[in-house]
Every structure is written in C-alpha cells, then in structure tokens.
Amino acid sequence: MAGFTPTGTLTFLLTGPDDIFCSGTPVFTTTKAVDGSGTYASGPFVPRASGKYTWRTIYSGDDNNLGYGPTACLDEAASQTVNAPVTALDGGSTDRAQLTMFRPSTGVWYIRDAAGGTTSQIQWGRDGDVPVAADYNGDGRVDIAVYRPSTGRWMVKGLYDVSYGYAGDIPVPGDYDGNGTIDIAVWRPATGRWFVRGAASTVWGTEGDVPVPGDYNGDGRTDVGVYRPTTGQ
C-alpha cells in the first residue's frame, strides 16, 4: 500500500467458493489498521469448501488520502482455487459422518453407517479409558483412539501407542499448530498447565476450571481455553 503517510483502515473481503461476480456475502472479513506505506496481510483463513476464492480490499482513506475500493472481483491475481480437507467420523467414509459410540465397560466401539444403517464393532480400549477420536495423521478421517488416565497412555488405532501425561491429567487433543493434524495434549488441573506434545507448555486456568479448547478466532489453530463454573467466566 502506498500514499502520503497513510492512516485509517484496510478491510479484507474474501468471496467464494466459485462466486464469480462476488455477489454473495463474503466468507471471511478482517480489518487492519494502516500506519504508513507498506504491505499489509489479512491474517489466516481456513476454507471449509473447495473452489475458487477471491480477495478484495477497501481502504477507508484519511485526511491526506482518498478512500478506495472494493477492488475488482474479476482480478485473477487476487483469486486462488483450493481443495479444502475432507473430514469424516470413524475412519471409514470420506463424504459422510457416521454415528459412533464407545462403551467403556467393554472397550467396544459401535459404528453405525449413516447410509445403510448397518453397525460394526471394534474392540479398542478398556473400562476407564476416555475416547479421544480425532484425525491424528491428517488424512481427513477421524481415527479411533483412547486415553488412559491412570497411566497417561494414548492409543491411536493403527498409528501409535505413546505415554503423554500423568494420572489426573485431562486429555485435550487439538490442532494447536494449525498443520491439519490433531496433536496429543493434556491439561493438568492441579497447576492449570497445558502440555502439547512437541511444543512448549503454558499455564492457563486453575484447579476447578473445565478445559474447553477450540478454534475461537478462525485461524485454523486450536486455542487453549477454560470455563470457570464458580463464576460462569
């Protein structure tokens, strides 16, 4: 961006997928403060559907510079076609979620095919284990997995069996680095510390809180978060 010591704001609009004339509501918007000439970035966006996406911008203007925008929708340089990752539950179908239930008393997973109504059974885990099914290898399919609180053991079917955590820790798997695969992670209630395998630990929360990790800002990464029942905060 250029101008005479520009200030004001720069708004980014992302249209898609396949909205050729940008006639629909943008799928993502963000506004950045302008402080001088230079390059400004919109911030990350994770597409949920495949297709062609187009960026446009609007400059607010200031006392020394005229406002401008939105920029042209048909600018090929501002467009990109992407293939969004597909997510499916249970590791079977790549285009539909399946109903899955884990029975702790027997360690059996019951998986119902949403299309035909048939049910399959898989033995994985035992009484006391916590189901932590997620996409641990980034193939777009959710893997059957359990966490054993008594030993801090993670068992992901067909992938790995590792120890990460101690008795009393709470499993909080998530994509904390935004690479498209789920990371093994635990939250320690006694200290409020989060441990993500392969990353530095951090403190957020205190004993009595409930961990509620999730992507709260839409950047494709899991954020640490806690809910405090005593205050509703």
C-alpha atoms as a PDB file:
ATOM      1  CA  MET A   1       0.000   0.000   0.000  1.00  0.00           C
ATOM      2  CA  ALA A   2       1.269   3.467  -0.934  1.00  0.00           C
ATOM      3  CA  GLY A   3       0.243   7.080  -0.273  1.00  0.00           C
ATOM      4  CA  PHE A   4       1.214  10.156   1.706  1.00  0.00           C
ATOM      5  CA  THR A   5       1.828   8.733   5.209  1.00  0.00           C
ATOM      6  CA  PRO A   6      -1.493   6.858   5.018  1.00  0.00           C
ATOM      7  CA  THR A   7      -3.532   6.003   8.107  1.00  0.00           C
ATOM      8  CA  GLY A   8      -7.059   4.716   8.536  1.00  0.00           C
ATOM      9  CA  THR A   9      -8.067   1.091   7.964  1.00  0.00           C
ATOM     10  CA  LEU A  10      -7.738  -1.585   5.299  1.00  0.00           C
ATOM     11  CA  THR A  11     -10.570  -4.121   5.133  1.00  0.00           C
ATOM     12  CA  PHE A  12     -10.053  -7.513   3.507  1.00  0.00           C
ATOM     13  CA  LEU A  13     -13.021  -9.334   1.951  1.00  0.00           C
ATOM     14  CA  LEU A  14     -12.831 -12.968   0.828  1.00  0.00           C
ATOM     15  CA  THR A  15     -15.537 -14.238  -1.507  1.00  0.00           C
ATOM     16  CA  GLY A  16     -16.112 -17.822  -2.515  1.00  0.00           C
ATOM     17  CA  PRO A  17     -16.191 -20.528  -3.303  1.00  0.00           C
ATOM     18  CA  ASP A  18     -16.925 -20.001  -7.012  1.00  0.00           C
ATOM     19  CA  ASP A  19     -18.800 -16.713  -6.559  1.00  0.00           C
ATOM     20  CA  ILE A  20     -17.547 -15.321  -9.879  1.00  0.00           C
ATOM     21  CA  PHE A  21     -19.047 -11.844  -9.520  1.00  0.00           C
ATOM     22  CA  CYS A  22     -18.712 -11.524  -5.724  1.00  0.00           C
ATOM     23  CA  SER A  23     -22.465 -11.172  -5.387  1.00  0.00           C
ATOM     24  CA  GLY A  24     -22.771 -13.210  -2.199  1.00  0.00           C
ATOM     25  CA  THR A  25     -21.797 -12.483   1.381  1.00  0.00           C
ATOM     26  CA  PRO A  26     -18.037 -12.735   1.967  1.00  0.00           C
ATOM     27  CA  VAL A  27     -16.985 -15.909   3.752  1.00  0.00           C
ATOM     28  CA  PHE A  28     -14.308 -14.010   5.678  1.00  0.00           C
ATOM     29  CA  THR A  29     -13.624 -10.370   6.544  1.00  0.00           C
ATOM     30  CA  THR A  30     -10.995  -8.681   8.660  1.00  0.00           C
ATOM     31  CA  THR A  31      -9.873  -5.086   9.177  1.00  0.00           C
ATOM     32  CA  LYS A  32      -6.325  -3.915   9.815  1.00  0.00           C
ATOM     33  CA  ALA A  33      -5.134  -0.516  10.994  1.00  0.00           C
ATOM     34  CA  VAL A  34      -2.970   1.367   8.470  1.00  0.00           C
ATOM     35  CA  ASP A  35       0.164   3.079   9.728  1.00  0.00           C
ATOM     36  CA  GLY A  36       2.258   4.207   6.781  1.00  0.00           C
ATOM     37  CA  SER A  37       3.067   2.786   3.356  1.00  0.00           C
ATOM     38  CA  GLY A  38       3.907  -0.903   3.181  1.00  0.00           C
ATOM     39  CA  THR A  39       2.483  -4.391   2.913  1.00  0.00           C
ATOM     40  CA  TYR A  40      -0.491  -5.480   4.995  1.00  0.00           C
ATOM     41  CA  ALA A  41      -1.725  -9.061   5.482  1.00  0.00           C
ATOM     42  CA  SER A  42      -5.286 -10.181   6.077  1.00  0.00           C
ATOM     43  CA  GLY A  43      -4.451 -12.922   8.539  1.00  0.00           C
ATOM     44  CA  PRO A  44      -5.142 -16.652   8.025  1.00  0.00           C
ATOM     45  CA  PHE A  45      -8.350 -18.245   6.794  1.00  0.00           C
ATOM     46  CA  VAL A  46      -9.105 -21.971   6.615  1.00  0.00           C
ATOM     47  CA  PRO A  47     -11.527 -22.865   3.765  1.00  0.00           C
ATOM     48  CA  ARG A  48     -14.328 -25.288   4.577  1.00  0.00           C
ATOM     49  CA  ALA A  49     -15.263 -25.969   0.956  1.00  0.00           C
ATOM     50  CA  SER A  50     -13.261 -26.415  -2.233  1.00  0.00           C
ATOM     51  CA  GLY A  51     -13.450 -23.923  -5.098  1.00  0.00           C
ATOM     52  CA  LYS A  52     -12.195 -20.568  -6.305  1.00  0.00           C
ATOM     53  CA  TYR A  53     -11.806 -17.788  -3.731  1.00  0.00           C
ATOM     54  CA  THR A  54     -11.218 -14.080  -4.453  1.00  0.00           C
ATOM     55  CA  TRP A  55      -9.703 -11.400  -2.223  1.00  0.00           C
ATOM     56  CA  ARG A  56     -10.846  -7.761  -2.359  1.00  0.00           C
ATOM     57  CA  THR A  57      -9.819  -4.783  -0.241  1.00  0.00           C
ATOM     58  CA  ILE A  58     -11.346  -1.489   0.884  1.00  0.00           C
ATOM     59  CA  TYR A  59      -9.224   1.434   2.075  1.00  0.00           C
ATOM     60  CA  SER A  60     -11.040   3.885   4.349  1.00  0.00           C
ATOM     61  CA  GLY A  61      -8.953   6.917   3.408  1.00  0.00           C
ATOM     62  CA  ASP A  62      -7.784   9.707   5.733  1.00  0.00           C
ATOM     63  CA  ASP A  63      -7.156  13.475   5.714  1.00  0.00           C
ATOM     64  CA  ASN A  64      -4.363  13.101   3.157  1.00  0.00           C
ATOM     65  CA  ASN A  65      -5.516  10.122   1.086  1.00  0.00           C
ATOM     66  CA  LEU A  66      -8.738   9.250  -0.716  1.00  0.00           C
ATOM     67  CA  GLY A  67     -10.573   6.066   0.155  1.00  0.00           C
ATOM     68  CA  TYR A  68     -10.683   3.282  -2.409  1.00  0.00           C
ATOM     69  CA  GLY A  69     -12.487   0.014  -3.017  1.00  0.00           C
ATOM     70  CA  PRO A  70     -13.664  -2.540  -3.006  1.00  0.00           C
ATOM     71  CA  THR A  71     -11.128  -3.711  -5.564  1.00  0.00           C
ATOM     72  CA  ALA A  72     -12.256  -5.626  -8.658  1.00  0.00           C
ATOM     73  CA  CYS A  73     -13.750  -9.078  -8.227  1.00  0.00           C
ATOM     74  CA  LEU A  74     -12.544 -10.365 -11.615  1.00  0.00           C
ATOM     75  CA  ASP A  75      -8.858  -9.770 -10.840  1.00  0.00           C
ATOM     76  CA  GLU A  76      -7.252 -13.178 -11.463  1.00  0.00           C
ATOM     77  CA  ALA A  77      -4.182 -12.148  -9.483  1.00  0.00           C
ATOM     78  CA  ALA A  78      -6.382 -11.912  -6.384  1.00  0.00           C
ATOM     79  CA  SER A  79      -8.009 -15.324  -6.869  1.00  0.00           C
ATOM     80  CA  GLN A  80      -6.945 -18.819  -5.932  1.00  0.00           C
ATOM     81  CA  THR A  81      -8.511 -22.265  -6.272  1.00  0.00           C
ATOM     82  CA  VAL A  82      -8.138 -24.513  -3.228  1.00  0.00           C
ATOM     83  CA  ASN A  83      -9.085 -28.039  -2.215  1.00  0.00           C
ATOM     84  CA  ALA A  84     -10.415 -27.995   1.329  1.00  0.00           C
ATOM     85  CA  PRO A  85      -9.677 -31.007   3.561  1.00  0.00           C
ATOM     86  CA  VAL A  86     -12.489 -33.512   3.966  1.00  0.00           C
ATOM     87  CA  THR A  87     -13.379 -34.704   7.438  1.00  0.00           C
ATOM     88  CA  ALA A  88     -15.239 -37.910   8.226  1.00  0.00           C
ATOM     89  CA  LEU A  89     -16.002 -39.638  11.505  1.00  0.00           C
ATOM     90  CA  ASP A  90     -14.785 -43.151  12.347  1.00  0.00           C
ATOM     91  CA  GLY A  91     -12.134 -43.637   9.655  1.00  0.00           C
ATOM     92  CA  GLY A  92     -14.491 -45.180   7.116  1.00  0.00           C
ATOM     93  CA  SER A  93     -16.345 -42.814   4.813  1.00  0.00           C
ATOM     94  CA  THR A  94     -14.780 -39.757   3.224  1.00  0.00           C
ATOM     95  CA  ASP A  95     -18.044 -37.972   2.467  1.00  0.00           C
ATOM     96  CA  ARG A  96     -20.406 -38.558   5.398  1.00  0.00           C
ATOM     97  CA  ALA A  97     -20.214 -38.602   9.166  1.00  0.00           C
ATOM     98  CA  GLN A  98     -21.059 -41.833  10.953  1.00  0.00           C
ATOM     99  CA  LEU A  99     -22.644 -42.333  14.344  1.00  0.00           C
ATOM    100  CA  THR A 100     -20.057 -43.727  16.740  1.00  0.00           C
ATOM    101  CA  MET A 101     -20.375 -44.847  20.371  1.00  0.00           C
ATOM    102  CA  PHE A 102     -17.723 -46.063  22.814  1.00  0.00           C
ATOM    103  CA  ARG A 103     -18.760 -48.396  25.632  1.00  0.00           C
ATOM    104  CA  PRO A 104     -16.211 -48.069  28.475  1.00  0.00           C
ATOM    105  CA  SER A 105     -17.360 -51.190  30.308  1.00  0.00           C
ATOM    106  CA  THR A 106     -16.275 -53.397  27.398  1.00  0.00           C
ATOM    107  CA  GLY A 107     -13.928 -51.160  25.374  1.00  0.00           C
ATOM    108  CA  VAL A 108     -16.047 -51.725  22.262  1.00  0.00           C
ATOM    109  CA  TRP A 109     -16.686 -49.060  19.628  1.00  0.00           C
ATOM    110  CA  TYR A 110     -20.029 -49.277  17.801  1.00  0.00           C
ATOM    111  CA  ILE A 111     -20.023 -47.586  14.396  1.00  0.00           C
ATOM    112  CA  ARG A 112     -23.267 -47.133  12.502  1.00  0.00           C
ATOM    113  CA  ASP A 113     -23.265 -46.487   8.765  1.00  0.00           C
ATOM    114  CA  ALA A 114     -25.461 -43.444   8.219  1.00  0.00           C
ATOM    115  CA  ALA A 115     -26.320 -44.623   4.698  1.00  0.00           C
ATOM    116  CA  GLY A 116     -27.287 -48.261   5.229  1.00  0.00           C
ATOM    117  CA  GLY A 117     -27.930 -48.391   8.944  1.00  0.00           C
ATOM    118  CA  THR A 118     -25.538 -51.314   9.482  1.00  0.00           C
ATOM    119  CA  THR A 119     -23.425 -51.374  12.634  1.00  0.00           C
ATOM    120  CA  SER A 120     -19.856 -52.614  13.017  1.00  0.00           C
ATOM    121  CA  GLN A 121     -17.970 -53.266  16.251  1.00  0.00           C
ATOM    122  CA  ILE A 122     -14.298 -52.641  17.032  1.00  0.00           C
ATOM    123  CA  GLN A 123     -12.548 -53.602  20.252  1.00  0.00           C
ATOM    124  CA  TRP A 124     -10.227 -50.756  21.300  1.00  0.00           C
ATOM    125  CA  GLY A 125      -9.716 -49.755  24.913  1.00  0.00           C
ATOM    126  CA  ARG A 126     -10.994 -50.896  28.297  1.00  0.00           C
ATOM    127  CA  ASP A 127     -13.071 -49.741  31.240  1.00  0.00           C
ATOM    128  CA  GLY A 128     -11.854 -46.348  32.497  1.00  0.00           C
ATOM    129  CA  ASP A 129     -10.423 -45.210  29.165  1.00  0.00           C
ATOM    130  CA  VAL A 130     -11.523 -41.876  27.692  1.00  0.00           C
ATOM    131  CA  PRO A 131     -12.459 -41.781  23.969  1.00  0.00           C
ATOM    132  CA  VAL A 132     -10.359 -39.187  22.099  1.00  0.00           C
ATOM    133  CA  ALA A 133     -11.239 -39.938  18.464  1.00  0.00           C
ATOM    134  CA  ALA A 134      -9.698 -37.364  16.083  1.00  0.00           C
ATOM    135  CA  ASP A 135      -7.701 -37.058  12.856  1.00  0.00           C
ATOM    136  CA  TYR A 136      -4.183 -37.699  14.152  1.00  0.00           C
ATOM    137  CA  ASN A 137      -2.497 -38.250  10.768  1.00  0.00           C
ATOM    138  CA  GLY A 138      -4.159 -35.561   8.639  1.00  0.00           C
ATOM    139  CA  ASP A 139      -5.837 -37.903   6.132  1.00  0.00           C
ATOM    140  CA  GLY A 140      -9.261 -36.320   6.599  1.00  0.00           C
ATOM    141  CA  ARG A 141     -10.604 -39.286   8.592  1.00  0.00           C
ATOM    142  CA  VAL A 142     -11.133 -39.497  12.319  1.00  0.00           C
ATOM    143  CA  ASP A 143      -9.066 -42.216  13.987  1.00  0.00           C
ATOM    144  CA  ILE A 144     -10.331 -44.419  16.806  1.00  0.00           C
ATOM    145  CA  ALA A 145      -8.331 -43.540  19.932  1.00  0.00           C
ATOM    146  CA  VAL A 146      -8.465 -43.712  23.714  1.00  0.00           C
ATOM    147  CA  TYR A 147      -6.619 -42.013  26.556  1.00  0.00           C
ATOM    148  CA  ARG A 148      -5.906 -44.000  29.751  1.00  0.00           C
ATOM    149  CA  PRO A 149      -5.989 -41.542  32.680  1.00  0.00           C
ATOM    150  CA  SER A 150      -4.352 -43.940  35.156  1.00  0.00           C
ATOM    151  CA  THR A 151      -1.132 -44.116  33.116  1.00  0.00           C
ATOM    152  CA  GLY A 152      -1.278 -41.140  30.720  1.00  0.00           C
ATOM    153  CA  ARG A 153      -1.246 -43.524  27.784  1.00  0.00           C
ATOM    154  CA  TRP A 154      -2.554 -42.576  24.320  1.00  0.00           C
ATOM    155  CA  MET A 155      -3.571 -45.404  21.986  1.00  0.00           C
ATOM    156  CA  VAL A 156      -4.500 -44.431  18.423  1.00  0.00           C
ATOM    157  CA  LYS A 157      -5.570 -47.452  16.378  1.00  0.00           C
ATOM    158  CA  GLY A 158      -3.179 -48.198  13.539  1.00  0.00           C
ATOM    159  CA  LEU A 159      -0.897 -45.254  14.339  1.00  0.00           C
ATOM    160  CA  TYR A 160       0.810 -45.254  17.721  1.00  0.00           C
ATOM    161  CA  ASP A 161       0.794 -46.079  21.410  1.00  0.00           C
ATOM    162  CA  VAL A 162       2.579 -43.448  23.489  1.00  0.00           C
ATOM    163  CA  SER A 163       2.622 -42.128  27.046  1.00  0.00           C
ATOM    164  CA  TYR A 164       1.995 -38.412  27.468  1.00  0.00           C
ATOM    165  CA  GLY A 165       0.573 -37.157  30.729  1.00  0.00           C
ATOM    166  CA  TYR A 166       0.143 -38.271  34.331  1.00  0.00           C
ATOM    167  CA  ALA A 167      -2.694 -39.596  36.457  1.00  0.00           C
ATOM    168  CA  GLY A 168      -5.241 -36.816  36.924  1.00  0.00           C
ATOM    169  CA  ASP A 169      -4.455 -35.040  33.648  1.00  0.00           C
ATOM    170  CA  ILE A 170      -7.342 -34.296  31.278  1.00  0.00           C
ATOM    171  CA  PRO A 171      -6.899 -35.088  27.552  1.00  0.00           C
ATOM    172  CA  VAL A 172      -7.349 -32.017  25.320  1.00  0.00           C
ATOM    173  CA  PRO A 173      -6.333 -33.068  21.779  1.00  0.00           C
ATOM    174  CA  GLY A 174      -6.448 -30.386  19.083  1.00  0.00           C
ATOM    175  CA  ASP A 175      -4.643 -28.865  16.118  1.00  0.00           C
ATOM    176  CA  TYR A 176      -2.576 -26.398  18.137  1.00  0.00           C
ATOM    177  CA  ASP A 177      -0.025 -25.668  15.395  1.00  0.00           C
ATOM    178  CA  GLY A 178      -2.502 -25.437  12.501  1.00  0.00           C
ATOM    179  CA  ASN A 179      -0.857 -28.124  10.345  1.00  0.00           C
ATOM    180  CA  GLY A 180      -4.061 -30.080   9.709  1.00  0.00           C
ATOM    181  CA  THR A 181      -3.380 -32.927  12.144  1.00  0.00           C
ATOM    182  CA  ILE A 182      -4.524 -33.338  15.727  1.00  0.00           C
ATOM    183  CA  ASP A 183      -1.860 -33.016  18.416  1.00  0.00           C
ATOM    184  CA  ILE A 184      -1.740 -35.048  21.619  1.00  0.00           C
ATOM    185  CA  ALA A 185      -2.242 -32.696  24.571  1.00  0.00           C
ATOM    186  CA  VAL A 186      -3.267 -32.732  28.233  1.00  0.00           C
ATOM    187  CA  TRP A 187      -4.373 -30.143  30.778  1.00  0.00           C
ATOM    188  CA  ARG A 188      -3.193 -30.526  34.388  1.00  0.00           C
ATOM    189  CA  PRO A 189      -5.926 -29.285  36.783  1.00  0.00           C
ATOM    190  CA  ALA A 190      -3.622 -29.020  39.793  1.00  0.00           C
ATOM    191  CA  THR A 191      -1.416 -26.415  38.102  1.00  0.00           C
ATOM    192  CA  GLY A 192      -3.556 -25.131  35.213  1.00  0.00           C
ATOM    193  CA  ARG A 193      -0.763 -26.050  32.810  1.00  0.00           C
ATOM    194  CA  TRP A 194      -1.324 -27.136  29.206  1.00  0.00           C
ATOM    195  CA  PHE A 195       1.082 -29.647  27.659  1.00  0.00           C
ATOM    196  CA  VAL A 196       1.083 -30.125  23.881  1.00  0.00           C
ATOM    197  CA  ARG A 197       3.346 -32.893  22.601  1.00  0.00           C
ATOM    198  CA  GLY A 198       6.291 -31.380  20.747  1.00  0.00           C
ATOM    199  CA  ALA A 199       5.571 -27.818  21.911  1.00  0.00           C
ATOM    200  CA  ALA A 200       6.258 -25.632  24.941  1.00  0.00           C
ATOM    201  CA  SER A 201       3.822 -25.845  27.845  1.00  0.00           C
ATOM    202  CA  THR A 202       1.757 -22.884  29.005  1.00  0.00           C
ATOM    203  CA  VAL A 203      -0.352 -22.033  32.058  1.00  0.00           C
ATOM    204  CA  TRP A 204      -3.989 -21.051  31.535  1.00  0.00           C
ATOM    205  CA  GLY A 205      -6.595 -21.755  34.178  1.00  0.00           C
ATOM    206  CA  THR A 206      -6.653 -23.033  37.729  1.00  0.00           C
ATOM    207  CA  GLU A 207      -7.922 -26.035  39.673  1.00  0.00           C
ATOM    208  CA  GLY A 208     -11.695 -26.315  39.392  1.00  0.00           C
ATOM    209  CA  ASP A 209     -11.786 -24.960  35.833  1.00  0.00           C
ATOM    210  CA  VAL A 210     -13.034 -27.024  32.883  1.00  0.00           C
ATOM    211  CA  PRO A 211     -10.787 -27.086  29.780  1.00  0.00           C
ATOM    212  CA  VAL A 212     -12.613 -26.058  26.583  1.00  0.00           C
ATOM    213  CA  PRO A 213     -10.057 -25.874  23.748  1.00  0.00           C
ATOM    214  CA  GLY A 214     -11.271 -24.770  20.328  1.00  0.00           C
ATOM    215  CA  ASP A 215     -10.586 -22.519  17.337  1.00  0.00           C
ATOM    216  CA  TYR A 216     -12.107 -19.331  18.747  1.00  0.00           C
ATOM    217  CA  ASN A 217     -10.691 -16.891  16.174  1.00  0.00           C
ATOM    218  CA  GLY A 218     -10.998 -18.932  12.968  1.00  0.00           C
ATOM    219  CA  ASP A 219      -7.278 -19.118  12.202  1.00  0.00           C
ATOM    220  CA  GLY A 220      -7.245 -22.906  11.870  1.00  0.00           C
ATOM    221  CA  ARG A 221      -5.436 -23.467  15.183  1.00  0.00           C
ATOM    222  CA  THR A 222      -6.820 -24.789  18.441  1.00  0.00           C
ATOM    223  CA  ASP A 223      -6.740 -22.171  21.209  1.00  0.00           C
ATOM    224  CA  VAL A 224      -6.379 -23.002  24.906  1.00  0.00           C
ATOM    225  CA  GLY A 225      -9.435 -22.060  26.919  1.00  0.00           C
ATOM    226  CA  VAL A 226     -11.094 -22.823  30.243  1.00  0.00           C
ATOM    227  CA  TYR A 227     -14.559 -22.373  31.693  1.00  0.00           C
ATOM    228  CA  ARG A 228     -14.829 -21.422  35.377  1.00  0.00           C
ATOM    229  CA  PRO A 229     -18.038 -22.957  36.830  1.00  0.00           C
ATOM    230  CA  THR A 230     -17.851 -20.954  40.066  1.00  0.00           C
ATOM    231  CA  THR A 231     -18.254 -17.643  38.237  1.00  0.00           C
ATOM    232  CA  GLY A 232     -19.548 -18.622  34.776  1.00  0.00           C
ATOM    233  CA  GLN A 233     -16.489 -16.896  33.268  1.00  0.00           C
END
